[in-house]
C-alpha atoms as a PDB file:
ATOM      1  CA  MET A   1      86.375  31.926 144.576  1.00  0.00           C
ATOM      2  CA  LEU A   2      89.050  29.353 145.618  1.00  0.00           C
ATOM      3  CA  VAL A   3      90.963  29.523 148.922  1.00  0.00           C
ATOM      4  CA  LEU A   4      93.999  27.211 149.089  1.00  0.00           C
ATOM      5  CA  GLU A   5      95.434  26.327 152.501  1.00  0.00           C
ATOM      6  CA  ALA A   6      99.240  26.107 152.423  1.00  0.00           C
ATOM      7  CA  PRO A   7     100.607  22.812 153.866  1.00  0.00           C
ATOM      8  CA  THR A   8     103.755  24.543 155.186  1.00  0.00           C
ATOM      9  CA  ASP A   9     104.250  28.108 156.517  1.00  0.00           C
ATOM     10  CA  GLY A  10     100.463  28.374 156.566  1.00  0.00           C
ATOM     11  CA  TRP A  11      98.457  30.742 158.769  1.00  0.00           C
ATOM     12  CA  LYS A  12      95.199  29.015 159.718  1.00  0.00           C
ATOM     13  CA  GLU A  13      93.839  32.021 161.657  1.00  0.00           C
ATOM     14  CA  GLY A  14      94.529  34.262 158.658  1.00  0.00           C
ATOM     15  CA  VAL A  15      92.749  31.839 156.331  1.00  0.00           C
ATOM     16  CA  GLN A  16      89.713  31.724 158.655  1.00  0.00           C
ATOM     17  CA  ALA A  17      89.530  35.523 158.802  1.00  0.00           C
ATOM     18  CA  LEU A  18      89.811  35.752 155.002  1.00  0.00           C
ATOM     19  CA  VAL A  19      87.083  33.114 154.500  1.00  0.00           C
ATOM     20  CA  ALA A  20      84.776  34.984 156.880  1.00  0.00           C
ATOM     21  CA  GLU A  21      85.292  38.309 155.056  1.00  0.00           C
ATOM     22  CA  LEU A  22      84.743  36.733 151.618  1.00  0.00           C
ATOM     23  CA  LEU A  23      81.540  34.983 152.715  1.00  0.00           C
ATOM     24  CA  THR A  24      80.281  38.206 154.270  1.00  0.00           C
ATOM     25  CA  SER A  25      80.936  39.999 150.972  1.00  0.00           C
ATOM     26  CA  GLY A  26      78.805  37.478 149.040  1.00  0.00           C
ATOM     27  CA  TYR A  27      81.453  35.284 147.408  1.00  0.00           C
ATOM     28  CA  GLU A  28      80.825  31.594 146.816  1.00  0.00           C
ATOM     29  CA  LEU A  29      83.880  29.796 148.188  1.00  0.00           C
ATOM     30  CA  THR A  30      85.712  26.535 147.781  1.00  0.00           C
ATOM     31  CA  VAL A  31      88.450  25.860 150.353  1.00  0.00           C
ATOM     32  CA  ARG A  32      91.065  23.206 149.545  1.00  0.00           C
ATOM     33  CA  GLY A  33      94.216  21.895 151.140  1.00  0.00           C
ATOM     34  CA  GLY A  34      97.432  22.442 149.180  1.00  0.00           C
ATOM     35  CA  HIS A  35     100.328  20.036 148.570  1.00  0.00           C
ATOM     36  CA  ALA A  36     103.194  22.391 147.500  1.00  0.00           C
ATOM     37  CA  ARG A  37     106.346  22.545 149.618  1.00  0.00           C
ATOM     38  CA  SER A  38     107.857  25.844 148.395  1.00  0.00           C
ATOM     39  CA  PRO A  39     106.521  29.356 147.532  1.00  0.00           C
ATOM     40  CA  ASP A  40     107.085  28.844 143.768  1.00  0.00           C
ATOM     41  CA  GLN A  41     105.287  25.508 143.804  1.00  0.00           C
ATOM     42  CA  LEU A  42     102.465  26.980 145.913  1.00  0.00           C
ATOM     43  CA  GLU A  43     101.935  29.792 143.372  1.00  0.00           C
ATOM     44  CA  ASP A  44     101.873  27.295 140.484  1.00  0.00           C
ATOM     45  CA  GLU A  45      99.451  25.016 142.352  1.00  0.00           C
ATOM     46  CA  LEU A  46      97.158  27.955 143.172  1.00  0.00           C
ATOM     47  CA  GLN A  47      96.968  28.996 139.491  1.00  0.00           C
ATOM     48  CA  ARG A  48      96.313  25.428 138.390  1.00  0.00           C
ATOM     49  CA  GLU A  49      93.663  24.691 141.034  1.00  0.00           C
ATOM     50  CA  ALA A  50      91.818  27.976 140.372  1.00  0.00           C
ATOM     51  CA  ALA A  51      91.734  27.242 136.633  1.00  0.00           C
ATOM     52  CA  GLU A  52      90.514  23.671 137.160  1.00  0.00           C
ATOM     53  CA  ALA A  53      87.792  24.819 139.573  1.00  0.00           C
ATOM     54  CA  GLY A  54      86.615  27.552 137.161  1.00  0.00           C
ATOM     55  CA  ALA A  55      87.014  30.129 139.951  1.00  0.00           C
ATOM     56  CA  VAL A  56      87.098  33.888 139.329  1.00  0.00           C
ATOM     57  CA  ALA A  57      90.230  34.058 141.487  1.00  0.00           C
ATOM     58  CA  GLY A  58      92.352  31.988 143.852  1.00  0.00           C
ATOM     59  CA  VAL A  59      94.039  33.103 147.071  1.00  0.00           C
ATOM     60  CA  THR A  60      96.357  31.535 149.642  1.00  0.00           C
ATOM     61  CA  VAL A  61      97.817  32.894 152.889  1.00  0.00           C
ATOM     62  CA  THR A  62     101.257  32.111 154.367  1.00  0.00           C
ATOM     63  CA  ARG A  63     103.204  33.332 157.376  1.00  0.00           C
ATOM     64  CA  THR A  64     106.938  33.502 158.068  1.00  0.00           C
ATOM     65  CA  ASP A  65     107.979  34.788 161.515  1.00  0.00           C
ATOM     66  CA  ASN A  66     106.344  38.214 161.917  1.00  0.00           C
ATOM     67  CA  ARG A  67     105.326  38.709 158.268  1.00  0.00           C
ATOM     68  CA  ALA A  68     102.214  37.392 156.537  1.00  0.00           C
ATOM     69  CA  SER A  69     101.655  37.141 152.769  1.00  0.00           C
ATOM     70  CA  ALA A  70      98.620  36.586 150.577  1.00  0.00           C
ATOM     71  CA  TRP A  71      98.987  35.332 146.976  1.00  0.00           C
ATOM     72  CA  LEU A  72      96.105  36.355 144.692  1.00  0.00           C
ATOM     73  CA  CYS A  73      95.836  34.752 141.217  1.00  0.00           C
ATOM     74  CA  ARG A  74      93.258  35.808 138.596  1.00  0.00           C
ATOM     75  CA  GLY A  75      93.060  34.119 135.191  1.00  0.00           C
ATOM     76  CA  VAL A  76      96.244  34.125 133.125  1.00  0.00           C
ATOM     77  CA  ASN A  77      97.586  37.301 134.761  1.00  0.00           C
ATOM     78  CA  PRO A  78     100.657  37.016 137.038  1.00  0.00           C
ATOM     79  CA  CYS A  79      99.792  36.393 140.679  1.00  0.00           C
ATOM     80  CA  GLU A  80      99.930  39.365 143.081  1.00  0.00           C
ATOM     81  CA  GLN A  81     101.616  39.165 146.480  1.00  0.00           C
ATOM     82  CA  LEU A  82     100.323  41.248 149.397  1.00  0.00           C
ATOM     83  CA  GLU A  83     102.516  41.472 152.525  1.00  0.00           C
ATOM     84  CA  ILE A  84     101.928  42.896 155.993  1.00  0.00           C
ATOM     85  CA  GLU A  85     103.905  42.932 159.221  1.00  0.00           C
ATOM     86  CA  ILE A  86     102.124  41.177 162.073  1.00  0.00           C
ATOM     87  CA  ALA A  87     101.908  43.421 165.114  1.00  0.00           C
ATOM     88  CA  ASP A  88      98.607  42.228 166.618  1.00  0.00           C
ATOM     89  CA  ASP A  89      97.284  38.836 165.434  1.00  0.00           C
ATOM     90  CA  GLU A  90      93.591  39.752 165.291  1.00  0.00           C
ATOM     91  CA  LEU A  91      94.143  43.194 163.766  1.00  0.00           C
ATOM     92  CA  SER A  92      96.697  41.823 161.256  1.00  0.00           C
ATOM     93  CA  ARG A  93      94.282  39.111 160.129  1.00  0.00           C
ATOM     94  CA  SER A  94      91.616  41.715 159.413  1.00  0.00           C
ATOM     95  CA  ARG A  95      94.067  44.009 157.606  1.00  0.00           C
ATOM     96  CA  LEU A  96      95.238  41.202 155.296  1.00  0.00           C
ATOM     97  CA  ALA A  97      91.676  40.028 154.560  1.00  0.00           C
ATOM     98  CA  LEU A  98      90.537  43.606 153.745  1.00  0.00           C
ATOM     99  CA  ALA A  99      93.590  44.108 151.487  1.00  0.00           C
ATOM    100  CA  VAL A 100      92.624  41.001 149.488  1.00  0.00           C
ATOM    101  CA  LEU A 101      89.013  42.230 149.178  1.00  0.00           C
ATOM    102  CA  GLU A 102      90.248  45.608 147.959  1.00  0.00           C
ATOM    103  CA  ARG A 103      92.268  43.888 145.200  1.00  0.00           C
ATOM    104  CA  LEU A 104      89.247  41.829 144.186  1.00  0.00           C
ATOM    105  CA  ARG A 105      86.917  44.801 143.685  1.00  0.00           C
ATOM    106  CA  PRO A 106      87.790  45.447 139.985  1.00  0.00           C
ATOM    107  CA  ILE A 107      86.552  41.943 139.105  1.00  0.00           C
ATOM    108  CA  GLU A 108      83.686  41.605 141.614  1.00  0.00           C
ATOM    109  CA  LEU A 109      80.534  40.066 140.250  1.00  0.00           C
ATOM    110  CA  PRO A 110      77.318  42.101 140.748  1.00  0.00           C
ATOM    111  CA  LEU A 111      75.838  41.394 144.157  1.00  0.00           C
ATOM    112  CA  THR A 112      72.240  41.683 145.295  1.00  0.00           C
ATOM    113  CA  VAL A 113      71.966  44.884 147.341  1.00  0.00           C
ATOM    114  CA  PRO A 114      69.845  44.361 150.487  1.00  0.00           C
ATOM    115  CA  THR A 115      66.920  46.682 151.128  1.00  0.00           C
ATOM    116  CA  PRO A 116      67.483  49.408 153.745  1.00  0.00           C
ATOM    117  CA  LYS A 117      65.298  47.527 156.236  1.00  0.00           C
ATOM    118  CA  ALA A 118      67.166  44.268 155.921  1.00  0.00           C
ATOM    119  CA  ALA A 119      69.292  43.339 158.881  1.00  0.00           C
ATOM    120  CA  PRO A 120      72.987  42.881 158.178  1.00  0.00           C
ATOM    121  CA  ARG A 121      74.038  39.264 157.817  1.00  0.00           C
ATOM    122  CA  PRO A 122      76.304  38.140 160.668  1.00  0.00           C
ATOM    123  CA  ALA A 123      79.759  36.924 159.768  1.00  0.00           C
ATOM    124  CA  PRO A 124      80.059  33.137 159.803  1.00  0.00           C
ATOM    125  CA  SER A 125      82.024  31.618 162.632  1.00  0.00           C
ATOM    126  CA  SER A 126      85.383  29.997 162.016  1.00  0.00           C
ATOM    127  CA  ALA A 127      83.740  26.628 162.799  1.00  0.00           C
ATOM    128  CA  ASN A 128      81.373  27.078 159.846  1.00  0.00           C
ATOM    129  CA  ALA A 129      84.272  28.108 157.620  1.00  0.00           C
ATOM    130  CA  ARG A 130      86.055  24.850 158.378  1.00  0.00           C
ATOM    131  CA  LEU A 131      83.084  22.855 157.122  1.00  0.00           C
ATOM    132  CA  ALA A 132      83.753  24.070 153.566  1.00  0.00           C
ATOM    133  CA  VAL A 133      87.253  22.585 153.488  1.00  0.00           C
ATOM    134  CA  GLU A 134      87.482  19.718 151.031  1.00  0.00           C
ATOM    135  CA  PRO A 135      89.513  16.614 151.896  1.00  0.00           C
ATOM    136  CA  PRO A 136      92.938  16.402 150.229  1.00  0.00           C
ATOM    137  CA  ARG A 137      92.618  15.449 146.592  1.00  0.00           C
ATOM    138  CA  PRO A 138      94.801  12.857 144.855  1.00  0.00           C
ATOM    139  CA  PRO A 139      97.722  14.209 142.775  1.00  0.00           C
ATOM    140  CA  SER A 140      96.918  15.601 139.347  1.00  0.00           C
ATOM    141  CA  ALA A 141      96.776  13.232 136.385  1.00  0.00           C
ATOM    142  CA  ARG A 142     100.097  12.396 134.752  1.00  0.00           C
ATOM    143  CA  LEU A 143     101.202  14.696 131.980  1.00  0.00           C
ATOM    144  CA  PHE A 144     102.291  12.818 128.843  1.00  0.00           C
ATOM    145  CA  ARG A 145     104.291  14.416 126.024  1.00  0.00           C
ATOM    146  CA  VAL A 146     105.324  13.049 122.647  1.00  0.00           C
ATOM    147  CA  TRP A 147     108.509  14.510 121.123  1.00  0.00           C
ATOM    148  CA  VAL A 148     109.750  14.210 117.523  1.00  0.00           C
ATOM    149  CA  GLY A 149     112.849  15.900 116.192  1.00  0.00           C
ATOM    150  CA  GLY A 150     116.168  15.697 114.448  1.00  0.00           C
ATOM    151  CA  GLY A 151     119.739  16.904 114.486  1.00  0.00           C
ATOM    152  CA  GLY A 152     123.128  15.260 114.560  1.00  0.00           C
ATOM    153  CA  VAL A 153     125.537  13.186 116.641  1.00  0.00           C
ATOM    154  CA  LEU A 154     129.113  14.292 117.248  1.00  0.00           C
ATOM    155  CA  SER A 155     131.507  11.502 118.139  1.00  0.00           C
ATOM    156  CA  SER A 156     135.174  10.750 118.340  1.00  0.00           C
ATOM    157  CA  GLY A 157     136.393   8.904 115.259  1.00  0.00           C
ATOM    158  CA  ILE A 158     133.631  10.187 112.926  1.00  0.00           C
ATOM    159  CA  ALA A 159     134.572  12.664 110.202  1.00  0.00           C
ATOM    160  CA  GLY A 160     131.435  14.836 110.597  1.00  0.00           C
ATOM    161  CA  PRO A 161     128.049  14.942 112.357  1.00  0.00           C
ATOM    162  CA  LEU A 162     126.018  11.746 111.989  1.00  0.00           C
ATOM    163  CA  PRO A 163     122.460  12.690 110.849  1.00  0.00           C
ATOM    164  CA  TRP A 164     119.990  11.884 113.650  1.00  0.00           C
ATOM    165  CA  VAL A 165     116.166  11.692 113.949  1.00  0.00           C
ATOM    166  CA  GLY A 166     114.163  10.388 116.860  1.00  0.00           C
ATOM    167  CA  ALA A 167     110.907  10.186 118.801  1.00  0.00           C
ATOM    168  CA  SER A 168     110.286   9.882 122.528  1.00  0.00           C
ATOM    169  CA  LEU A 169     107.480   9.703 125.094  1.00  0.00           C
ATOM    170  CA  GLY A 170     107.760  11.564 128.389  1.00  0.00           C
ATOM    171  CA  ALA A 171     105.576  11.303 131.507  1.00  0.00           C
ATOM    172  CA  THR A 172     105.473  13.510 134.618  1.00  0.00           C
ATOM    173  CA  LEU A 173     105.135  11.032 137.506  1.00  0.00           C
ATOM    174  CA  ASN A 174     105.202  13.422 140.463  1.00  0.00           C
ATOM    175  CA  ALA A 175     106.119  16.986 139.486  1.00  0.00           C
ATOM    176  CA  PRO A 176     108.874  17.938 138.952  1.00  0.00           C
ATOM    177  CA  TRP A 177     110.066  14.320 138.478  1.00  0.00           C
ATOM    178  CA  GLY A 178     109.366  12.178 135.424  1.00  0.00           C
ATOM    179  CA  LEU A 179     110.536   9.611 132.896  1.00  0.00           C
ATOM    180  CA  GLU A 180     111.252   9.765 129.163  1.00  0.00           C
ATOM    181  CA  VAL A 181     111.997   6.907 126.761  1.00  0.00           C
ATOM    182  CA  GLY A 182     112.963   7.275 123.115  1.00  0.00           C
ATOM    183  CA  LEU A 183     114.165   5.674 119.912  1.00  0.00           C
ATOM    184  CA  ALA A 184     116.536   7.428 117.488  1.00  0.00           C
ATOM    185  CA  GLY A 185     118.690   6.572 114.513  1.00  0.00           C
ATOM    186  CA  SER A 186     120.630   7.795 111.512  1.00  0.00           C
ATOM    187  CA  PRO A 187     118.557   8.054 108.297  1.00  0.00           C
ATOM    188  CA  LEU A 188     121.766   8.732 106.338  1.00  0.00           C
ATOM    189  CA  PRO A 189     125.190   7.181 106.928  1.00  0.00           C
ATOM    190  CA  GLY A 190     128.113   8.951 108.508  1.00  0.00           C
ATOM    191  CA  SER A 191     131.736   8.409 107.602  1.00  0.00           C
ATOM    192  CA  ALA A 192     135.030   7.762 109.349  1.00  0.00           C
ATOM    193  CA  HIS A 193     138.533   7.795 107.804  1.00  0.00           C
ATOM    194  CA  SER A 194     141.950   6.423 108.704  1.00  0.00           C
ATOM    195  CA  TYR A 195     145.140   5.431 106.899  1.00  0.00           C
ATOM    196  CA  ALA A 196     143.726   1.882 106.661  1.00  0.00           C
ATOM    197  CA  GLY A 197     140.595   2.940 104.775  1.00  0.00           C
ATOM    198  CA  SER A 198     137.170   4.461 105.351  1.00  0.00           C
ATOM    199  CA  LEU A 199     133.926   3.401 107.035  1.00  0.00           C
ATOM    200  CA  SER A 200     130.277   4.119 106.318  1.00  0.00           C
ATOM    201  CA  LEU A 201     128.328   4.054 109.616  1.00  0.00           C
ATOM    202  CA  ARG A 202     124.660   3.776 110.599  1.00  0.00           C
ATOM    203  CA  ALA A 203     123.347   3.651 114.165  1.00  0.00           C
ATOM    204  CA  LEU A 204     120.097   2.875 116.003  1.00  0.00           C
ATOM    205  CA  GLN A 205     119.652   3.912 119.645  1.00  0.00           C
ATOM    206  CA  GLY A 206     117.136   3.122 122.379  1.00  0.00           C
ATOM    207  CA  ILE A 207     117.470   5.171 125.571  1.00  0.00           C
ATOM    208  CA  GLY A 208     115.601   6.194 128.729  1.00  0.00           C
ATOM    209  CA  PHE A 209     116.005   9.119 131.129  1.00  0.00           C
ATOM    210  CA  ALA A 210     114.908  10.006 134.641  1.00  0.00           C
ATOM    211  CA  THR A 211     113.946  13.694 134.260  1.00  0.00           C
ATOM    212  CA  PHE A 212     113.694  16.741 136.501  1.00  0.00           C
ATOM    213  CA  GLU A 213     111.855  19.956 135.509  1.00  0.00           C
ATOM    214  CA  PRO A 214     112.442  22.761 138.052  1.00  0.00           C
ATOM    215  CA  PHE A 215     109.784  25.041 136.474  1.00  0.00           C
ATOM    216  CA  PRO A 216     107.102  22.671 135.079  1.00  0.00           C
ATOM    217  CA  ARG A 217     104.320  25.285 134.779  1.00  0.00           C
ATOM    218  CA  ARG A 218     106.223  28.136 133.122  1.00  0.00           C
ATOM    219  CA  LYS A 219     106.244  28.901 129.408  1.00  0.00           C
ATOM    220  CA  LEU A 220     110.041  28.814 129.192  1.00  0.00           C
ATOM    221  CA  GLY A 221     111.415  25.845 131.083  1.00  0.00           C
ATOM    222  CA  LEU A 222     114.328  23.476 131.463  1.00  0.00           C
ATOM    223  CA  SER A 223     114.328  19.687 131.580  1.00  0.00           C
ATOM    224  CA  LEU A 224     117.328  17.813 132.963  1.00  0.00           C
ATOM    225  CA  GLY A 225     117.843  14.079 132.689  1.00  0.00           C
ATOM    226  CA  LEU A 226     120.170  11.192 133.428  1.00  0.00           C
ATOM    227  CA  GLY A 227     119.930   7.731 131.891  1.00  0.00           C
ATOM    228  CA  GLY A 228     121.195   5.196 129.450  1.00  0.00           C
ATOM    229  CA  GLY A 229     120.365   2.562 126.876  1.00  0.00           C
ATOM    230  CA  ALA A 230     121.900   0.723 123.934  1.00  0.00           C
ATOM    231  CA  VAL A 231     123.289   1.662 120.507  1.00  0.00           C
ATOM    232  CA  HIS A 232     123.504  -0.707 117.547  1.00  0.00           C
ATOM    233  CA  VAL A 233     126.128   0.348 114.964  1.00  0.00           C
ATOM    234  CA  ARG A 234     126.566  -1.139 111.482  1.00  0.00           C
ATOM    235  CA  GLU A 235     129.671  -0.406 109.434  1.00  0.00           C
ATOM    236  CA  SER A 236     130.561  -0.888 105.799  1.00  0.00           C
ATOM    237  CA  ALA A 237     134.320  -0.722 105.227  1.00  0.00           C
ATOM    238  CA  THR A 238     136.333   0.362 102.179  1.00  0.00           C
ATOM    239  CA  PRO A 239     140.034  -0.568 102.579  1.00  0.00           C
ATOM    240  CA  ALA A 240     143.026   1.496 101.538  1.00  0.00           C
ATOM    241  CA  PRO A 241     145.585  -0.151  99.200  1.00  0.00           C
ATOM    242  CA  GLY A 242     147.413  -2.940 101.001  1.00  0.00           C
ATOM    243  CA  PHE A 243     144.620  -3.583 103.545  1.00  0.00           C
ATOM    244  CA  ASP A 244     141.668  -5.945 103.698  1.00  0.00           C
ATOM    245  CA  ALA A 245     138.278  -4.815 105.049  1.00  0.00           C
ATOM    246  CA  PHE A 246     135.429  -6.565 106.854  1.00  0.00           C
ATOM    247  CA  SER A 247     131.947  -5.109 107.387  1.00  0.00           C
ATOM    248  CA  ARG A 248     130.586  -5.717 110.871  1.00  0.00           C
ATOM    249  CA  SER A 249     127.949  -4.606 113.383  1.00  0.00           C
ATOM    250  CA  ALA A 250     128.029  -4.256 117.164  1.00  0.00           C
ATOM    251  CA  THR A 251     125.698  -3.353 120.035  1.00  0.00           C
ATOM    252  CA  VAL A 252     127.086  -1.470 123.025  1.00  0.00           C
ATOM    253  CA  ALA A 253     125.707   0.432 126.007  1.00  0.00           C
ATOM    254  CA  VAL A 254     125.359   4.206 126.104  1.00  0.00           C
ATOM    255  CA  VAL A 255     125.268   6.357 129.255  1.00  0.00           C
ATOM    256  CA  SER A 256     124.083   9.917 128.821  1.00  0.00           C
ATOM    257  CA  ALA A 257     122.840  13.078 130.477  1.00  0.00           C
ATOM    258  CA  ARG A 258     120.253  15.446 128.981  1.00  0.00           C
ATOM    259  CA  ALA A 259     119.541  19.171 129.039  1.00  0.00           C
ATOM    260  CA  ARG A 260     116.533  20.432 127.077  1.00  0.00           C
ATOM    261  CA  LEU A 261     115.461  24.071 126.849  1.00  0.00           C
ATOM    262  CA  GLN A 262     111.747  24.121 126.062  1.00  0.00           C
ATOM    263  CA  TYR A 263     109.078  26.713 125.265  1.00  0.00           C
ATOM    264  CA  ARG A 264     105.376  25.972 125.818  1.00  0.00           C
ATOM    265  CA  ALA A 265     102.573  27.421 123.672  1.00  0.00           C
ATOM    266  CA  GLY A 266      99.355  25.774 124.835  1.00  0.00           C
ATOM    267  CA  PRO A 267      99.601  22.005 124.202  1.00  0.00           C
ATOM    268  CA  VAL A 268     102.645  22.435 121.905  1.00  0.00           C
ATOM    269  CA  TYR A 269     106.284  22.523 123.016  1.00  0.00           C
ATOM    270  CA  LEU A 270     109.411  23.600 121.149  1.00  0.00           C
ATOM    271  CA  GLY A 271     112.648  22.086 122.425  1.00  0.00           C
ATOM    272  CA  LEU A 272     116.405  22.283 121.925  1.00  0.00           C
ATOM    273  CA  ALA A 273     118.322  19.419 123.563  1.00  0.00           C
ATOM    274  CA  ILE A 274     121.902  18.297 124.080  1.00  0.00           C
ATOM    275  CA  ASP A 275     122.648  14.749 125.259  1.00  0.00           C
ATOM    276  CA  PRO A 276     126.330  14.350 126.215  1.00  0.00           C
ATOM    277  CA  GLY A 277     127.420  10.775 126.876  1.00  0.00           C
ATOM    278  CA  MET A 278     129.676   7.948 125.807  1.00  0.00           C
ATOM    279  CA  LEU A 279     129.542   4.394 124.474  1.00  0.00           C
ATOM    280  CA  VAL A 280     130.558   1.627 126.883  1.00  0.00           C
ATOM    281  CA  PRO A 281     132.793   0.141 125.679  1.00  0.00           C
ATOM    282  CA  ALA A 282     134.027   2.393 122.886  1.00  0.00           C
ATOM    283  CA  LEU A 283     133.920   0.925 119.382  1.00  0.00           C
ATOM    284  CA  LYS A 284     137.466   0.270 118.122  1.00  0.00           C
ATOM    285  CA  VAL A 285     138.570   0.001 114.509  1.00  0.00           C
ATOM    286  CA  GLU A 286     141.799  -1.958 114.215  1.00  0.00           C
ATOM    287  CA  ALA A 287     144.341  -2.458 111.441  1.00  0.00           C
ATOM    288  CA  GLY A 288     146.446  -5.460 112.379  1.00  0.00           C
ATOM    289  CA  ALA A 289     147.441  -5.011 116.022  1.00  0.00           C
ATOM    290  CA  ALA A 290     146.968  -1.211 115.970  1.00  0.00           C
ATOM    291  CA  THR A 291     143.787   0.672 116.916  1.00  0.00           C
ATOM    292  CA  VAL A 292     143.219   3.331 114.260  1.00  0.00           C
ATOM    293  CA  LEU A 293     139.843   4.723 115.468  1.00  0.00           C
ATOM    294  CA  ARG A 294     137.903   4.873 118.749  1.00  0.00           C
ATOM    295  CA  ILE A 295     134.227   5.720 118.175  1.00  0.00           C
ATOM    296  CA  GLY A 296     131.917   6.918 120.938  1.00  0.00           C
ATOM    297  CA  ARG A 297     134.219   8.714 123.382  1.00  0.00           C
ATOM    298  CA  PRO A 298     132.381  11.101 123.554  1.00  0.00           C
ATOM    299  CA  TRP A 299     128.951  10.492 121.972  1.00  0.00           C
ATOM    300  CA  VAL A 300     126.950  13.772 121.905  1.00  0.00           C
ATOM    301  CA  ALA A 301     123.485  14.143 120.342  1.00  0.00           C
ATOM    302  CA  LEU A 302     122.177  17.643 119.430  1.00  0.00           C
ATOM    303  CA  GLN A 303     118.480  17.858 118.523  1.00  0.00           C
ATOM    304  CA  GLY A 304     115.737  20.333 117.823  1.00  0.00           C
ATOM    305  CA  SER A 305     112.308  18.873 118.600  1.00  0.00           C
ATOM    306  CA  LEU A 306     108.565  19.474 118.652  1.00  0.00           C
ATOM    307  CA  GLY A 307     106.467  18.202 121.553  1.00  0.00           C
ATOM    308  CA  LEU A 308     102.733  17.667 121.977  1.00  0.00           C
ATOM    309  CA  VAL A 309     100.770  17.120 125.198  1.00  0.00           C
ATOM    310  CA  LEU A 310      98.518  14.047 125.106  1.00  0.00           C
END
């Protein structure tokens, strides 16, 4: 059984009463200090810590003004929240601890029943309960994900979507914050047309994002990002009658945002991403002194992708 002490809005007296009741009932306990700063993060941390410790269940106790709550997580089932109104501190602590024990009864492990002559075991003091508290642990290991996918790029000046495939590596540095770097390009050329002729275009892009995942532990999540990189574009020109054409290449900067909707199934992720941005500066196609095309304002990549946790 794992007991997690909340770093904020915690209720130390309630935790001590709960630990005493659980020890009296025969549970083997591990008490740890939490790191989460919000109720959602605390629930996610409790589920993760209970799973890593191999505990039958995990529980944490919080208090806000005159109301106390206990979160109880068991296996992959959703966590339960038990709430009481605090009228008398000592009585309320006992009521909350007994309510948690009542919820645990359906999954209690068989206990050794004392003989009728055995004296009841006294409840451990709160001082003894404190001895079981482990020192704060370092943050969890970084979560790495590899993404591969494909789609298309929509851009000003291009006649249709530019085919697009790419791969990237993402790392969670300190949840929910992370980094992602990637390389993408066009396996097939795109085309652009003007009265001066037509262009066949290929592009290669390297880009990085600072990412934010508001719900990192849920099956259906969202990843937001902001970043930039560089795009190398090669063109092959076919002139219209009366014009001359030159084939050239150019490398420009790209600034972009990212929004990826992702679904987790074990170590595998499915993602759908949109990266709106623009090339800086825009690529201009000129005929004489006139600009006939401006490419890259905007520059929007749409991709479906498959991710794998390393």
